[in-house]
Amino acid sequence: MREVRYEPLASPKSFALALPG
């Protein structure tokens, strides 16, 4: 599980989702 930060819509820390890719 890695912390992939995409375009932060709300907050970079709050929008830290582990997405494949």
PDB file of N, CA and C in Angstrom:
ATOM      1  N   MET A   1       0.845  -1.197   0.000  1.00  0.00           N
ATOM      2  CA  MET A   1       0.000   0.000   0.000  1.00  0.00           C
ATOM      3  C   MET A   1       0.885   1.254   0.000  1.00  0.00           C
ATOM      4  N   ARG A   2       0.755   2.041  -1.031  1.00  0.00           N
ATOM      5  CA  ARG A   2       1.583   3.248  -1.103  1.00  0.00           C
ATOM      6  C   ARG A   2       0.713   4.497  -1.119  1.00  0.00           C
ATOM      7  N   GLU A   3       1.260   5.581  -0.671  1.00  0.00           N
ATOM      8  CA  GLU A   3       0.505   6.833  -0.584  1.00  0.00           C
ATOM      9  C   GLU A   3       0.636   7.605  -1.894  1.00  0.00           C
ATOM     10  N   VAL A   4      -0.364   7.444  -2.745  1.00  0.00           N
ATOM     11  CA  VAL A   4      -0.350   8.129  -4.038  1.00  0.00           C
ATOM     12  C   VAL A   4      -1.248   9.354  -3.963  1.00  0.00           C
ATOM     13  N   ARG A   5      -0.631  10.525  -3.965  1.00  0.00           N
ATOM     14  CA  ARG A   5      -1.412  11.762  -3.866  1.00  0.00           C
ATOM     15  C   ARG A   5      -1.664  12.333  -5.257  1.00  0.00           C
ATOM     16  N   TYR A   6      -2.919  12.307  -5.662  1.00  0.00           N
ATOM     17  CA  TYR A   6      -3.298  12.893  -6.941  1.00  0.00           C
ATOM     18  C   TYR A   6      -3.750  14.329  -6.710  1.00  0.00           C
ATOM     19  N   GLU A   7      -4.446  14.901  -7.690  1.00  0.00           N
ATOM     20  CA  GLU A   7      -4.924  16.277  -7.548  1.00  0.00           C
ATOM     21  C   GLU A   7      -5.749  16.412  -6.276  1.00  0.00           C
ATOM     22  N   PRO A   8      -5.240  17.135  -5.297  1.00  0.00           N
ATOM     23  CA  PRO A   8      -5.941  17.302  -4.022  1.00  0.00           C
ATOM     24  C   PRO A   8      -7.196  18.151  -4.172  1.00  0.00           C
ATOM     25  N   LEU A   9      -8.361  17.501  -4.065  1.00  0.00           N
ATOM     26  CA  LEU A   9      -9.626  18.232  -4.187  1.00  0.00           C
ATOM     27  C   LEU A   9      -9.969  18.908  -2.868  1.00  0.00           C
ATOM     28  N   ALA A  10      -9.685  18.206  -1.784  1.00  0.00           N
ATOM     29  CA  ALA A  10      -9.987  18.773  -0.465  1.00  0.00           C
ATOM     30  C   ALA A  10      -8.677  19.148   0.240  1.00  0.00           C
ATOM     31  N   SER A  11      -7.844  18.146   0.483  1.00  0.00           N
ATOM     32  CA  SER A  11      -6.573  18.382   1.167  1.00  0.00           C
ATOM     33  C   SER A  11      -5.588  17.283   0.778  1.00  0.00           C
ATOM     34  N   PRO A  12      -4.329  17.655   0.579  1.00  0.00           N
ATOM     35  CA  PRO A  12      -3.320  16.669   0.184  1.00  0.00           C
ATOM     36  C   PRO A  12      -3.200  15.528   1.188  1.00  0.00           C
ATOM     37  N   LYS A  13      -3.287  15.861   2.472  1.00  0.00           N
ATOM     38  CA  LYS A  13      -3.162  14.829   3.506  1.00  0.00           C
ATOM     39  C   LYS A  13      -4.459  14.033   3.636  1.00  0.00           C
ATOM     40  N   SER A  14      -5.581  14.734   3.511  1.00  0.00           N
ATOM     41  CA  SER A  14      -6.876  14.064   3.667  1.00  0.00           C
ATOM     42  C   SER A  14      -7.200  13.245   2.414  1.00  0.00           C
ATOM     43  N   PHE A  15      -6.621  13.664   1.278  1.00  0.00           N
ATOM     44  CA  PHE A  15      -6.911  12.989   0.020  1.00  0.00           C
ATOM     45  C   PHE A  15      -5.792  12.018  -0.357  1.00  0.00           C
ATOM     46  N   ALA A  16      -5.052  11.560   0.654  1.00  0.00           N
ATOM     47  CA  ALA A  16      -3.975  10.603   0.416  1.00  0.00           C
ATOM     48  C   ALA A  16      -4.571   9.210   0.238  1.00  0.00           C
ATOM     49  N   LEU A  17      -4.818   8.846  -1.010  1.00  0.00           N
ATOM     50  CA  LEU A  17      -5.433   7.540  -1.290  1.00  0.00           C
ATOM     51  C   LEU A  17      -4.397   6.607  -1.900  1.00  0.00           C
ATOM     52  N   ALA A  18      -4.504   5.350  -1.543  1.00  0.00           N
ATOM     53  CA  ALA A  18      -3.606   4.343  -2.100  1.00  0.00           C
ATOM     54  C   ALA A  18      -4.258   3.749  -3.348  1.00  0.00           C
ATOM     55  N   LEU A  19      -3.948   4.356  -4.499  1.00  0.00           N
ATOM     56  CA  LEU A  19      -4.557   3.900  -5.749  1.00  0.00           C
ATOM     57  C   LEU A  19      -3.541   3.122  -6.579  1.00  0.00           C
ATOM     58  N   PRO A  20      -4.014   2.090  -7.255  1.00  0.00           N
ATOM     59  CA  PRO A  20      -3.135   1.292  -8.110  1.00  0.00           C
ATOM     60  C   PRO A  20      -2.726   2.080  -9.349  1.00  0.00           C
ATOM     61  N   GLY A  21      -1.449   2.189  -9.598  1.00  0.00           N
ATOM     62  CA  GLY A  21      -1.007   2.933 -10.756  1.00  0.00           C
ATOM     63  C   GLY A  21       0.037   3.940 -10.336  1.00  0.00           C
TER      64      GLY A  21
END
